[in-house]
Amino acid sequence: MDFSTLLMISISVMKTGSIKDQAQQGQMTIRLATLYVPFSFVTDIFGMKIREINCSPLLMWVPFAAFPIVSA
């Protein structure tokens, strides 16, 4: 086995390690987005427009009830 083949194999092993790290970071991003996107959607729609804060016709429990529906 010559030096160039050994060098190519070692570079390939190093690339595999970095690809694995990138895949793990991608999974973490997907998990965070799975929680963040529905939550931000519900809070954007309902905001602070609830009866208990500014006399709006919307009740406080409605955003909490909508969150699991939007998440699903």
N, C-alpha and C. Protein backbone atom coordinates (compact mmCIF):
# COMPACT_ATOMS: atom_id res chain seq x y z
N MET A 1 0.85 -1.16 0.00
CA MET A 1 0.00 0.00 0.00
C MET A 1 0.91 1.23 0.00
N ASP A 2 0.71 2.09 -0.98
CA ASP A 2 1.56 3.26 -1.07
C ASP A 2 0.99 4.42 -0.25
N PHE A 3 1.75 5.49 -0.18
CA PHE A 3 1.40 6.63 0.66
C PHE A 3 0.13 7.33 0.18
N SER A 4 -0.07 7.47 -1.11
CA SER A 4 -1.25 8.17 -1.63
C SER A 4 -2.54 7.42 -1.29
N THR A 5 -2.51 6.11 -1.35
CA THR A 5 -3.70 5.32 -1.00
C THR A 5 -4.01 5.47 0.48
N LEU A 6 -2.99 5.44 1.31
CA LEU A 6 -3.17 5.61 2.75
C LEU A 6 -3.72 7.00 3.06
N LEU A 7 -3.23 7.99 2.35
CA LEU A 7 -3.71 9.36 2.53
C LEU A 7 -5.17 9.47 2.13
N MET A 8 -5.56 8.88 1.03
CA MET A 8 -6.96 8.92 0.57
C MET A 8 -7.88 8.23 1.57
N ILE A 9 -7.45 7.11 2.12
CA ILE A 9 -8.27 6.39 3.10
C ILE A 9 -8.45 7.22 4.35
N SER A 10 -7.38 7.86 4.83
CA SER A 10 -7.49 8.66 6.05
C SER A 10 -8.38 9.88 5.82
N ILE A 11 -8.32 10.49 4.65
CA ILE A 11 -9.21 11.62 4.34
C ILE A 11 -10.66 11.15 4.29
N SER A 12 -10.89 9.98 3.74
CA SER A 12 -12.24 9.43 3.67
C SER A 12 -12.80 9.18 5.07
N VAL A 13 -11.98 8.68 5.96
CA VAL A 13 -12.42 8.43 7.34
C VAL A 13 -12.74 9.75 8.03
N MET A 14 -11.95 10.77 7.81
CA MET A 14 -12.19 12.07 8.42
C MET A 14 -13.49 12.68 7.89
N LYS A 15 -13.76 12.53 6.60
CA LYS A 15 -15.00 13.05 6.02
C LYS A 15 -16.21 12.35 6.61
N THR A 16 -16.09 11.05 6.82
CA THR A 16 -17.20 10.29 7.40
C THR A 16 -17.55 10.81 8.78
N GLY A 17 -16.54 11.12 9.58
CA GLY A 17 -16.78 11.67 10.92
C GLY A 17 -17.48 13.01 10.86
N SER A 18 -17.08 13.89 9.93
CA SER A 18 -17.71 15.20 9.85
C SER A 18 -19.14 15.08 9.31
N ILE A 19 -19.38 14.15 8.41
CA ILE A 19 -20.74 13.94 7.90
C ILE A 19 -21.65 13.46 9.02
N LYS A 20 -21.14 12.60 9.89
CA LYS A 20 -21.93 12.11 11.02
C LYS A 20 -22.27 13.27 11.96
N ASP A 21 -21.31 14.15 12.22
CA ASP A 21 -21.57 15.31 13.07
C ASP A 21 -22.61 16.23 12.46
N GLN A 22 -22.54 16.45 11.15
CA GLN A 22 -23.52 17.29 10.48
C GLN A 22 -24.91 16.69 10.54
N ALA A 23 -25.00 15.39 10.42
CA ALA A 23 -26.30 14.71 10.50
C ALA A 23 -26.91 14.86 11.90
N GLN A 24 -26.09 14.77 12.93
CA GLN A 24 -26.58 14.94 14.30
C GLN A 24 -27.05 16.37 14.52
N GLN A 25 -26.34 17.34 13.98
CA GLN A 25 -26.77 18.74 14.11
C GLN A 25 -28.07 18.97 13.36
N GLY A 26 -28.24 18.33 12.22
CA GLY A 26 -29.48 18.44 11.47
C GLY A 26 -30.66 17.86 12.23
N GLN A 27 -30.44 16.75 12.91
CA GLN A 27 -31.51 16.15 13.71
C GLN A 27 -31.91 17.07 14.85
N MET A 28 -30.95 17.71 15.48
CA MET A 28 -31.24 18.64 16.57
C MET A 28 -32.05 19.83 16.05
N THR A 29 -31.70 20.33 14.89
CA THR A 29 -32.43 21.44 14.30
C THR A 29 -33.87 21.05 13.98
N ILE A 30 -34.06 19.86 13.47
CA ILE A 30 -35.42 19.39 13.17
C ILE A 30 -36.24 19.25 14.44
N ARG A 31 -35.63 18.72 15.49
CA ARG A 31 -36.36 18.59 16.76
C ARG A 31 -36.77 19.94 17.31
N LEU A 32 -35.87 20.91 17.25
CA LEU A 32 -36.21 22.25 17.74
C LEU A 32 -37.30 22.89 16.89
N ALA A 33 -37.21 22.71 15.58
CA ALA A 33 -38.22 23.28 14.69
C ALA A 33 -39.58 22.64 14.90
N THR A 34 -39.60 21.35 15.24
CA THR A 34 -40.86 20.65 15.49
C THR A 34 -41.60 21.28 16.65
N LEU A 35 -40.87 21.78 17.63
CA LEU A 35 -41.51 22.45 18.76
C LEU A 35 -41.75 23.93 18.48
N TYR A 36 -40.80 24.59 17.85
CA TYR A 36 -40.86 26.03 17.69
C TYR A 36 -41.91 26.49 16.68
N VAL A 37 -42.01 25.84 15.54
CA VAL A 37 -42.89 26.32 14.48
C VAL A 37 -44.37 26.33 14.90
N PRO A 38 -44.92 25.24 15.43
CA PRO A 38 -46.33 25.32 15.85
C PRO A 38 -46.57 26.32 16.98
N PHE A 39 -45.62 26.38 17.92
CA PHE A 39 -45.77 27.30 19.04
C PHE A 39 -45.76 28.74 18.55
N SER A 40 -44.85 29.09 17.66
CA SER A 40 -44.80 30.46 17.16
C SER A 40 -46.04 30.77 16.31
N PHE A 41 -46.56 29.78 15.60
CA PHE A 41 -47.76 29.98 14.81
C PHE A 41 -48.95 30.33 15.71
N VAL A 42 -49.12 29.58 16.78
CA VAL A 42 -50.24 29.83 17.70
C VAL A 42 -50.08 31.18 18.37
N THR A 43 -48.88 31.51 18.81
CA THR A 43 -48.69 32.79 19.50
C THR A 43 -48.83 33.97 18.53
N ASP A 44 -48.44 33.78 17.28
CA ASP A 44 -48.63 34.86 16.30
C ASP A 44 -50.11 35.11 16.03
N ILE A 45 -50.87 34.07 15.94
CA ILE A 45 -52.30 34.23 15.65
C ILE A 45 -53.04 34.86 16.83
N PHE A 46 -52.79 34.34 18.00
CA PHE A 46 -53.58 34.78 19.15
C PHE A 46 -52.94 35.96 19.89
N GLY A 47 -51.62 36.00 19.95
CA GLY A 47 -50.94 37.11 20.61
C GLY A 47 -51.47 37.37 22.01
N MET A 48 -51.72 38.60 22.30
CA MET A 48 -52.24 38.99 23.61
C MET A 48 -53.73 39.33 23.55
N LYS A 49 -54.42 38.85 22.54
CA LYS A 49 -55.82 39.18 22.35
C LYS A 49 -56.71 38.21 23.11
N ILE A 50 -56.67 38.28 24.41
CA ILE A 50 -57.52 37.44 25.25
C ILE A 50 -58.30 38.34 26.22
N ARG A 51 -59.42 37.86 26.63
CA ARG A 51 -60.33 38.64 27.46
C ARG A 51 -59.68 39.09 28.77
N GLU A 52 -58.88 38.23 29.37
CA GLU A 52 -58.31 38.54 30.67
C GLU A 52 -57.31 39.71 30.63
N ILE A 53 -56.75 40.01 29.47
CA ILE A 53 -55.75 41.08 29.39
C ILE A 53 -56.35 42.37 28.83
N ASN A 54 -57.08 42.30 27.73
CA ASN A 54 -57.55 43.56 27.12
C ASN A 54 -59.01 43.52 26.68
N CYS A 55 -59.84 42.82 27.38
CA CYS A 55 -61.29 42.78 27.14
C CYS A 55 -61.65 42.29 25.74
N SER A 56 -60.88 41.41 25.19
CA SER A 56 -61.18 40.81 23.89
C SER A 56 -62.19 39.68 24.07
N PRO A 57 -62.93 39.32 23.03
CA PRO A 57 -63.90 38.23 23.18
C PRO A 57 -63.24 36.84 23.26
N LEU A 58 -61.95 36.74 22.99
CA LEU A 58 -61.26 35.46 23.00
C LEU A 58 -60.90 35.04 24.43
N LEU A 59 -61.23 33.82 24.81
CA LEU A 59 -60.92 33.33 26.15
C LEU A 59 -59.48 32.85 26.22
N MET A 60 -58.93 32.78 27.44
CA MET A 60 -57.53 32.44 27.63
C MET A 60 -57.21 31.00 27.25
N TRP A 61 -58.14 30.08 27.38
CA TRP A 61 -57.86 28.67 27.11
C TRP A 61 -57.81 28.34 25.63
N VAL A 62 -58.31 29.21 24.77
CA VAL A 62 -58.37 28.92 23.34
C VAL A 62 -56.98 28.73 22.71
N PRO A 63 -55.99 29.61 22.98
CA PRO A 63 -54.65 29.36 22.41
C PRO A 63 -54.03 28.05 22.89
N PHE A 64 -54.27 27.70 24.15
CA PHE A 64 -53.72 26.45 24.69
C PHE A 64 -54.41 25.23 24.06
N ALA A 65 -55.67 25.37 23.73
CA ALA A 65 -56.37 24.28 23.06
C ALA A 65 -55.97 24.17 21.60
N ALA A 66 -55.61 25.28 20.99
CA ALA A 66 -55.23 25.27 19.57
C ALA A 66 -53.83 24.72 19.35
N PHE A 67 -52.96 24.85 20.34
CA PHE A 67 -51.57 24.40 20.18
C PHE A 67 -51.44 22.92 19.83
N PRO A 68 -52.09 21.99 20.55
CA PRO A 68 -51.96 20.58 20.16
C PRO A 68 -52.55 20.28 18.79
N ILE A 69 -53.59 20.99 18.43
CA ILE A 69 -54.20 20.77 17.12
C ILE A 69 -53.24 21.18 16.01
N VAL A 70 -52.64 22.35 16.17
CA VAL A 70 -51.69 22.84 15.17
C VAL A 70 -50.45 21.97 15.13
N SER A 71 -50.01 21.49 16.29
CA SER A 71 -48.82 20.63 16.36
C SER A 71 -49.02 19.31 15.63
N ALA A 72 -50.25 18.80 15.72
CA ALA A 72 -50.52 17.51 15.08
C ALA A 72 -50.51 17.69 13.58
